[in-house]
Amino acid sequence: MGMKLSFALLAVIIVMAGGFAWYFKFTQAKIDVLIENAATLEGITNTQKATITELQASAQKQAQQTQDLAAKLAAAETSNRKIATMLAQTDIVKNSLVDPTGVEVKINEEVDLFFGELQSLTAN
């Protein structure tokens, strides 16, 4: 009877060792998958943080450019009002009859100035 009991205990020990070996391999495989997933998530998180930082910088730059354009637009509108006021106060037909070359030169200078300002606003 002692010999049978020894074989039974040996069989139980072998089954338990086999079960432990299977459980160990199974959990190690799961741990490896979890470590790989954690590394992937860390990379994705770093990418998202960099993207967020870049988008914030881009938004600040865009806000600054919008302010700059608004200031340039205000300056252009001021120049436009100045030219409109000057043209409203000037009798072009009468001045053209008196000094056609002088009026032409003056008009061309103001138009060149206006388009130069307009081009500088739209070039940037």
N, C-alpha and C. Protein backbone atom coordinates (compact mmCIF):
# COMPACT_ATOMS: atom_id res chain seq x y z
N MET A 1 0.81 -1.18 0.00
CA MET A 1 0.00 0.00 0.00
C MET A 1 0.86 1.25 0.00
N GLY A 2 1.99 1.24 0.63
CA GLY A 2 2.88 2.39 0.68
C GLY A 2 3.43 2.74 -0.68
N MET A 3 3.64 1.69 -1.49
CA MET A 3 4.19 1.92 -2.82
C MET A 3 3.15 2.57 -3.72
N LYS A 4 1.90 2.15 -3.59
CA LYS A 4 0.83 2.73 -4.40
C LYS A 4 0.61 4.19 -3.99
N LEU A 5 0.69 4.47 -2.73
CA LEU A 5 0.53 5.81 -2.23
C LEU A 5 1.66 6.72 -2.73
N SER A 6 2.85 6.18 -2.78
CA SER A 6 4.00 6.92 -3.28
C SER A 6 3.81 7.27 -4.75
N PHE A 7 3.32 6.29 -5.55
CA PHE A 7 3.07 6.55 -6.97
C PHE A 7 1.93 7.57 -7.15
N ALA A 8 0.93 7.48 -6.32
CA ALA A 8 -0.20 8.41 -6.40
C ALA A 8 0.28 9.82 -6.06
N LEU A 9 1.10 9.94 -5.00
CA LEU A 9 1.63 11.25 -4.64
C LEU A 9 2.57 11.78 -5.73
N LEU A 10 3.37 10.89 -6.31
CA LEU A 10 4.26 11.30 -7.40
C LEU A 10 3.45 11.78 -8.60
N ALA A 11 2.33 11.11 -8.91
CA ALA A 11 1.47 11.50 -10.02
C ALA A 11 0.84 12.87 -9.74
N VAL A 12 0.41 13.08 -8.49
CA VAL A 12 -0.17 14.37 -8.12
C VAL A 12 0.87 15.48 -8.24
N ILE A 13 2.10 15.21 -7.80
CA ILE A 13 3.17 16.20 -7.89
C ILE A 13 3.48 16.52 -9.34
N ILE A 14 3.53 15.49 -10.20
CA ILE A 14 3.82 15.70 -11.62
C ILE A 14 2.71 16.52 -12.28
N VAL A 15 1.44 16.23 -11.97
CA VAL A 15 0.32 16.99 -12.53
C VAL A 15 0.38 18.44 -12.05
N MET A 16 0.70 18.62 -10.77
CA MET A 16 0.79 19.99 -10.23
C MET A 16 1.95 20.75 -10.88
N ALA A 17 3.09 20.07 -11.08
CA ALA A 17 4.23 20.72 -11.73
C ALA A 17 3.89 21.08 -13.18
N GLY A 18 3.20 20.17 -13.88
CA GLY A 18 2.77 20.45 -15.25
C GLY A 18 1.80 21.62 -15.30
N GLY A 19 0.84 21.64 -14.36
CA GLY A 19 -0.12 22.75 -14.28
C GLY A 19 0.59 24.08 -13.99
N PHE A 20 1.56 24.04 -13.08
CA PHE A 20 2.31 25.26 -12.77
C PHE A 20 3.10 25.72 -13.99
N ALA A 21 3.73 24.78 -14.72
CA ALA A 21 4.51 25.14 -15.91
C ALA A 21 3.60 25.78 -16.97
N TRP A 22 2.42 25.18 -17.16
CA TRP A 22 1.48 25.75 -18.13
C TRP A 22 1.04 27.14 -17.69
N TYR A 23 0.68 27.30 -16.42
CA TYR A 23 0.25 28.59 -15.90
C TYR A 23 1.35 29.64 -16.02
N PHE A 24 2.59 29.25 -15.74
CA PHE A 24 3.72 30.16 -15.84
C PHE A 24 3.91 30.63 -17.28
N LYS A 25 3.90 29.70 -18.24
CA LYS A 25 4.05 30.08 -19.65
C LYS A 25 2.90 30.98 -20.10
N PHE A 26 1.68 30.65 -19.69
CA PHE A 26 0.50 31.42 -20.07
C PHE A 26 0.60 32.85 -19.52
N THR A 27 0.94 32.99 -18.25
CA THR A 27 1.03 34.33 -17.66
C THR A 27 2.20 35.12 -18.23
N GLN A 28 3.32 34.45 -18.54
CA GLN A 28 4.44 35.16 -19.15
C GLN A 28 4.07 35.68 -20.53
N ALA A 29 3.32 34.90 -21.29
CA ALA A 29 2.86 35.36 -22.61
C ALA A 29 1.95 36.57 -22.46
N LYS A 30 1.05 36.55 -21.49
CA LYS A 30 0.16 37.69 -21.25
C LYS A 30 0.96 38.92 -20.82
N ILE A 31 1.95 38.72 -19.96
CA ILE A 31 2.78 39.83 -19.51
C ILE A 31 3.54 40.44 -20.69
N ASP A 32 4.06 39.58 -21.58
CA ASP A 32 4.76 40.09 -22.76
C ASP A 32 3.84 40.94 -23.64
N VAL A 33 2.60 40.47 -23.83
CA VAL A 33 1.63 41.23 -24.63
C VAL A 33 1.32 42.57 -23.96
N LEU A 34 1.14 42.54 -22.64
CA LEU A 34 0.84 43.78 -21.92
C LEU A 34 2.00 44.77 -21.97
N ILE A 35 3.22 44.28 -21.87
CA ILE A 35 4.40 45.15 -21.96
C ILE A 35 4.48 45.77 -23.36
N GLU A 36 4.22 44.96 -24.37
CA GLU A 36 4.25 45.48 -25.75
C GLU A 36 3.16 46.53 -25.97
N ASN A 37 1.97 46.26 -25.44
CA ASN A 37 0.87 47.23 -25.55
C ASN A 37 1.20 48.53 -24.81
N ALA A 38 1.82 48.42 -23.65
CA ALA A 38 2.20 49.61 -22.89
C ALA A 38 3.21 50.45 -23.66
N ALA A 39 4.17 49.79 -24.30
CA ALA A 39 5.18 50.51 -25.09
C ALA A 39 4.51 51.22 -26.27
N THR A 40 3.58 50.54 -26.92
CA THR A 40 2.86 51.14 -28.05
C THR A 40 2.05 52.35 -27.58
N LEU A 41 1.36 52.20 -26.46
CA LEU A 41 0.57 53.31 -25.94
C LEU A 41 1.44 54.49 -25.53
N GLU A 42 2.60 54.21 -25.00
CA GLU A 42 3.51 55.28 -24.63
C GLU A 42 3.96 56.06 -25.86
N GLY A 43 4.27 55.34 -26.94
CA GLY A 43 4.65 56.00 -28.19
C GLY A 43 3.52 56.84 -28.75
N ILE A 44 2.31 56.31 -28.70
CA ILE A 44 1.15 57.04 -29.20
C ILE A 44 0.88 58.28 -28.35
N THR A 45 1.04 58.14 -27.04
CA THR A 45 0.84 59.27 -26.14
C THR A 45 1.85 60.37 -26.42
N ASN A 46 3.09 60.00 -26.64
CA ASN A 46 4.13 60.99 -26.96
C ASN A 46 3.80 61.71 -28.27
N THR A 47 3.32 60.95 -29.25
CA THR A 47 2.94 61.54 -30.53
C THR A 47 1.79 62.52 -30.35
N GLN A 48 0.80 62.14 -29.54
CA GLN A 48 -0.34 63.03 -29.30
C GLN A 48 0.10 64.30 -28.58
N LYS A 49 0.98 64.17 -27.61
CA LYS A 49 1.46 65.35 -26.89
C LYS A 49 2.20 66.29 -27.84
N ALA A 50 3.03 65.73 -28.72
CA ALA A 50 3.76 66.56 -29.69
C ALA A 50 2.79 67.24 -30.65
N THR A 51 1.76 66.52 -31.07
CA THR A 51 0.77 67.08 -31.98
C THR A 51 0.00 68.22 -31.31
N ILE A 52 -0.36 68.02 -30.06
CA ILE A 52 -1.09 69.05 -29.32
C ILE A 52 -0.23 70.30 -29.17
N THR A 53 1.04 70.11 -28.83
CA THR A 53 1.95 71.24 -28.69
C THR A 53 2.09 71.98 -30.02
N GLU A 54 2.22 71.24 -31.08
CA GLU A 54 2.36 71.84 -32.41
C GLU A 54 1.10 72.61 -32.81
N LEU A 55 -0.07 72.04 -32.50
CA LEU A 55 -1.33 72.71 -32.83
C LEU A 55 -1.50 73.99 -32.01
N GLN A 56 -1.08 73.96 -30.75
CA GLN A 56 -1.17 75.17 -29.94
C GLN A 56 -0.25 76.26 -30.47
N ALA A 57 0.96 75.88 -30.86
CA ALA A 57 1.89 76.86 -31.44
C ALA A 57 1.34 77.42 -32.74
N SER A 58 0.75 76.55 -33.54
CA SER A 58 0.17 76.98 -34.81
C SER A 58 -1.01 77.94 -34.57
N ALA A 59 -1.81 77.65 -33.57
CA ALA A 59 -2.95 78.53 -33.26
C ALA A 59 -2.46 79.90 -32.79
N GLN A 60 -1.42 79.93 -31.98
CA GLN A 60 -0.86 81.20 -31.53
C GLN A 60 -0.30 82.00 -32.71
N LYS A 61 0.40 81.30 -33.59
CA LYS A 61 0.97 81.97 -34.77
C LYS A 61 -0.15 82.52 -35.66
N GLN A 62 -1.20 81.73 -35.83
CA GLN A 62 -2.31 82.17 -36.65
C GLN A 62 -3.01 83.38 -36.02
N ALA A 63 -3.15 83.37 -34.70
CA ALA A 63 -3.78 84.52 -34.02
C ALA A 63 -2.92 85.78 -34.21
N GLN A 64 -1.61 85.63 -34.12
CA GLN A 64 -0.71 86.77 -34.32
C GLN A 64 -0.81 87.29 -35.75
N GLN A 65 -0.83 86.37 -36.71
CA GLN A 65 -0.94 86.78 -38.11
C GLN A 65 -2.28 87.47 -38.37
N THR A 66 -3.33 87.00 -37.72
CA THR A 66 -4.64 87.63 -37.88
C THR A 66 -4.61 89.06 -37.33
N GLN A 67 -3.96 89.24 -36.20
CA GLN A 67 -3.84 90.59 -35.64
C GLN A 67 -3.02 91.49 -36.56
N ASP A 68 -1.94 90.95 -37.10
CA ASP A 68 -1.11 91.74 -38.02
C ASP A 68 -1.91 92.14 -39.26
N LEU A 69 -2.67 91.20 -39.81
CA LEU A 69 -3.48 91.51 -40.99
C LEU A 69 -4.56 92.54 -40.66
N ALA A 70 -5.14 92.45 -39.48
CA ALA A 70 -6.16 93.43 -39.08
C ALA A 70 -5.54 94.82 -38.99
N ALA A 71 -4.33 94.90 -38.44
CA ALA A 71 -3.66 96.21 -38.35
C ALA A 71 -3.34 96.74 -39.74
N LYS A 72 -2.85 95.88 -40.63
CA LYS A 72 -2.54 96.32 -42.00
C LYS A 72 -3.81 96.72 -42.74
N LEU A 73 -4.91 96.00 -42.49
CA LEU A 73 -6.18 96.35 -43.13
C LEU A 73 -6.65 97.72 -42.65
N ALA A 74 -6.51 97.98 -41.37
CA ALA A 74 -6.90 99.29 -40.83
C ALA A 74 -6.07 100.40 -41.48
N ALA A 75 -4.77 100.16 -41.65
CA ALA A 75 -3.91 101.15 -42.30
C ALA A 75 -4.32 101.36 -43.75
N ALA A 76 -4.64 100.30 -44.45
CA ALA A 76 -5.06 100.42 -45.85
C ALA A 76 -6.39 101.16 -45.96
N GLU A 77 -7.31 100.86 -45.02
CA GLU A 77 -8.59 101.58 -45.05
C GLU A 77 -8.40 103.06 -44.77
N THR A 78 -7.48 103.39 -43.88
CA THR A 78 -7.17 104.79 -43.60
C THR A 78 -6.64 105.48 -44.85
N SER A 79 -5.72 104.83 -45.54
CA SER A 79 -5.18 105.39 -46.79
C SER A 79 -6.27 105.53 -47.84
N ASN A 80 -7.14 104.55 -47.89
CA ASN A 80 -8.24 104.59 -48.86
C ASN A 80 -9.17 105.76 -48.57
N ARG A 81 -9.49 105.98 -47.29
CA ARG A 81 -10.33 107.11 -46.92
C ARG A 81 -9.65 108.43 -47.25
N LYS A 82 -8.34 108.48 -47.04
CA LYS A 82 -7.57 109.69 -47.35
C LYS A 82 -7.67 110.01 -48.84
N ILE A 83 -7.48 108.99 -49.66
CA ILE A 83 -7.56 109.19 -51.11
C ILE A 83 -8.98 109.56 -51.52
N ALA A 84 -9.98 108.90 -50.93
CA ALA A 84 -11.37 109.21 -51.28
C ALA A 84 -11.72 110.64 -50.89
N THR A 85 -11.24 111.07 -49.72
CA THR A 85 -11.48 112.45 -49.28
C THR A 85 -10.81 113.45 -50.22
N MET A 86 -9.57 113.15 -50.58
CA MET A 86 -8.84 114.04 -51.48
C MET A 86 -9.54 114.13 -52.84
N LEU A 87 -9.99 112.99 -53.34
CA LEU A 87 -10.67 112.99 -54.64
C LEU A 87 -12.01 113.71 -54.56
N ALA A 88 -12.69 113.60 -53.42
CA ALA A 88 -13.98 114.28 -53.25
C ALA A 88 -13.79 115.79 -53.19
N GLN A 89 -12.67 116.24 -52.65
CA GLN A 89 -12.43 117.66 -52.51
C GLN A 89 -11.80 118.29 -53.75
N THR A 90 -11.32 117.47 -54.65
CA THR A 90 -10.61 117.98 -55.82
C THR A 90 -11.53 117.93 -57.04
N ASP A 91 -11.52 118.98 -57.79
CA ASP A 91 -12.27 119.01 -59.04
C ASP A 91 -11.30 118.57 -60.14
N ILE A 92 -11.33 117.29 -60.47
CA ILE A 92 -10.36 116.71 -61.39
C ILE A 92 -10.52 117.30 -62.79
N VAL A 93 -11.76 117.51 -63.21
CA VAL A 93 -11.98 118.01 -64.57
C VAL A 93 -11.40 119.42 -64.72
N LYS A 94 -11.65 120.26 -63.74
CA LYS A 94 -11.14 121.63 -63.81
C LYS A 94 -9.61 121.63 -63.77
N ASN A 95 -9.04 120.86 -62.86
CA ASN A 95 -7.57 120.80 -62.74
C ASN A 95 -6.95 120.17 -63.99
N SER A 96 -7.64 119.21 -64.58
CA SER A 96 -7.12 118.56 -65.79
C SER A 96 -7.07 119.53 -66.96
N LEU A 97 -8.03 120.42 -67.02
CA LEU A 97 -8.03 121.40 -68.10
C LEU A 97 -6.91 122.41 -67.92
N VAL A 98 -6.62 122.76 -66.67
CA VAL A 98 -5.58 123.74 -66.40
C VAL A 98 -4.20 123.13 -66.58
N ASP A 99 -3.96 121.95 -65.96
CA ASP A 99 -2.63 121.33 -66.00
C ASP A 99 -2.80 119.81 -66.16
N PRO A 100 -3.05 119.35 -67.40
CA PRO A 100 -3.32 117.92 -67.60
C PRO A 100 -2.15 117.02 -67.21
N THR A 101 -0.94 117.39 -67.49
CA THR A 101 0.22 116.55 -67.17
C THR A 101 0.42 116.46 -65.66
N GLY A 102 0.29 117.56 -64.98
CA GLY A 102 0.46 117.56 -63.52
C GLY A 102 -0.58 116.70 -62.83
N VAL A 103 -1.84 116.79 -63.28
CA VAL A 103 -2.90 115.98 -62.69
C VAL A 103 -2.65 114.50 -62.96
N GLU A 104 -2.24 114.18 -64.17
CA GLU A 104 -1.97 112.79 -64.52
C GLU A 104 -0.85 112.21 -63.64
N VAL A 105 0.22 112.99 -63.48
CA VAL A 105 1.34 112.53 -62.66
C VAL A 105 0.89 112.32 -61.21
N LYS A 106 0.12 113.27 -60.70
CA LYS A 106 -0.34 113.17 -59.31
C LYS A 106 -1.26 111.97 -59.12
N ILE A 107 -2.18 111.76 -60.04
CA ILE A 107 -3.09 110.62 -59.96
C ILE A 107 -2.30 109.31 -60.03
N ASN A 108 -1.36 109.24 -60.96
CA ASN A 108 -0.55 108.03 -61.09
C ASN A 108 0.27 107.74 -59.83
N GLU A 109 0.80 108.78 -59.22
CA GLU A 109 1.56 108.59 -57.99
C GLU A 109 0.69 108.03 -56.87
N GLU A 110 -0.51 108.60 -56.72
CA GLU A 110 -1.42 108.12 -55.67
C GLU A 110 -1.89 106.70 -55.94
N VAL A 111 -2.18 106.39 -57.21
CA VAL A 111 -2.61 105.03 -57.57
C VAL A 111 -1.47 104.04 -57.31
N ASP A 112 -0.25 104.41 -57.69
CA ASP A 112 0.90 103.54 -57.44
C ASP A 112 1.10 103.33 -55.94
N LEU A 113 0.94 104.37 -55.15
CA LEU A 113 1.07 104.26 -53.71
C LEU A 113 0.00 103.32 -53.14
N PHE A 114 -1.24 103.51 -53.61
CA PHE A 114 -2.33 102.67 -53.14
C PHE A 114 -2.11 101.21 -53.50
N PHE A 115 -1.76 100.94 -54.75
CA PHE A 115 -1.53 99.55 -55.15
C PHE A 115 -0.29 98.96 -54.51
N GLY A 116 0.71 99.79 -54.23
CA GLY A 116 1.88 99.31 -53.50
C GLY A 116 1.52 98.85 -52.10
N GLU A 117 0.67 99.64 -51.42
CA GLU A 117 0.21 99.25 -50.09
C GLU A 117 -0.64 98.00 -50.16
N LEU A 118 -1.50 97.92 -51.14
CA LEU A 118 -2.35 96.75 -51.32
C LEU A 118 -1.51 95.50 -51.59
N GLN A 119 -0.50 95.64 -52.43
CA GLN A 119 0.38 94.51 -52.73
C GLN A 119 1.17 94.08 -51.51
N SER A 120 1.64 95.02 -50.71
CA SER A 120 2.40 94.66 -49.51
C SER A 120 1.50 93.95 -48.49
N LEU A 121 0.23 94.29 -48.49
CA LEU A 121 -0.69 93.62 -47.56
C LEU A 121 -0.97 92.19 -48.01
N THR A 122 -1.09 91.99 -49.30
CA THR A 122 -1.45 90.67 -49.80
C THR A 122 -0.24 89.78 -50.08
N ALA A 123 0.97 90.34 -50.12
CA ALA A 123 2.16 89.54 -50.44
C ALA A 123 2.54 88.65 -49.27
N ASN A 124 2.30 89.06 -48.04
CA ASN A 124 2.68 88.27 -46.86
C ASN A 124 1.55 87.43 -46.51
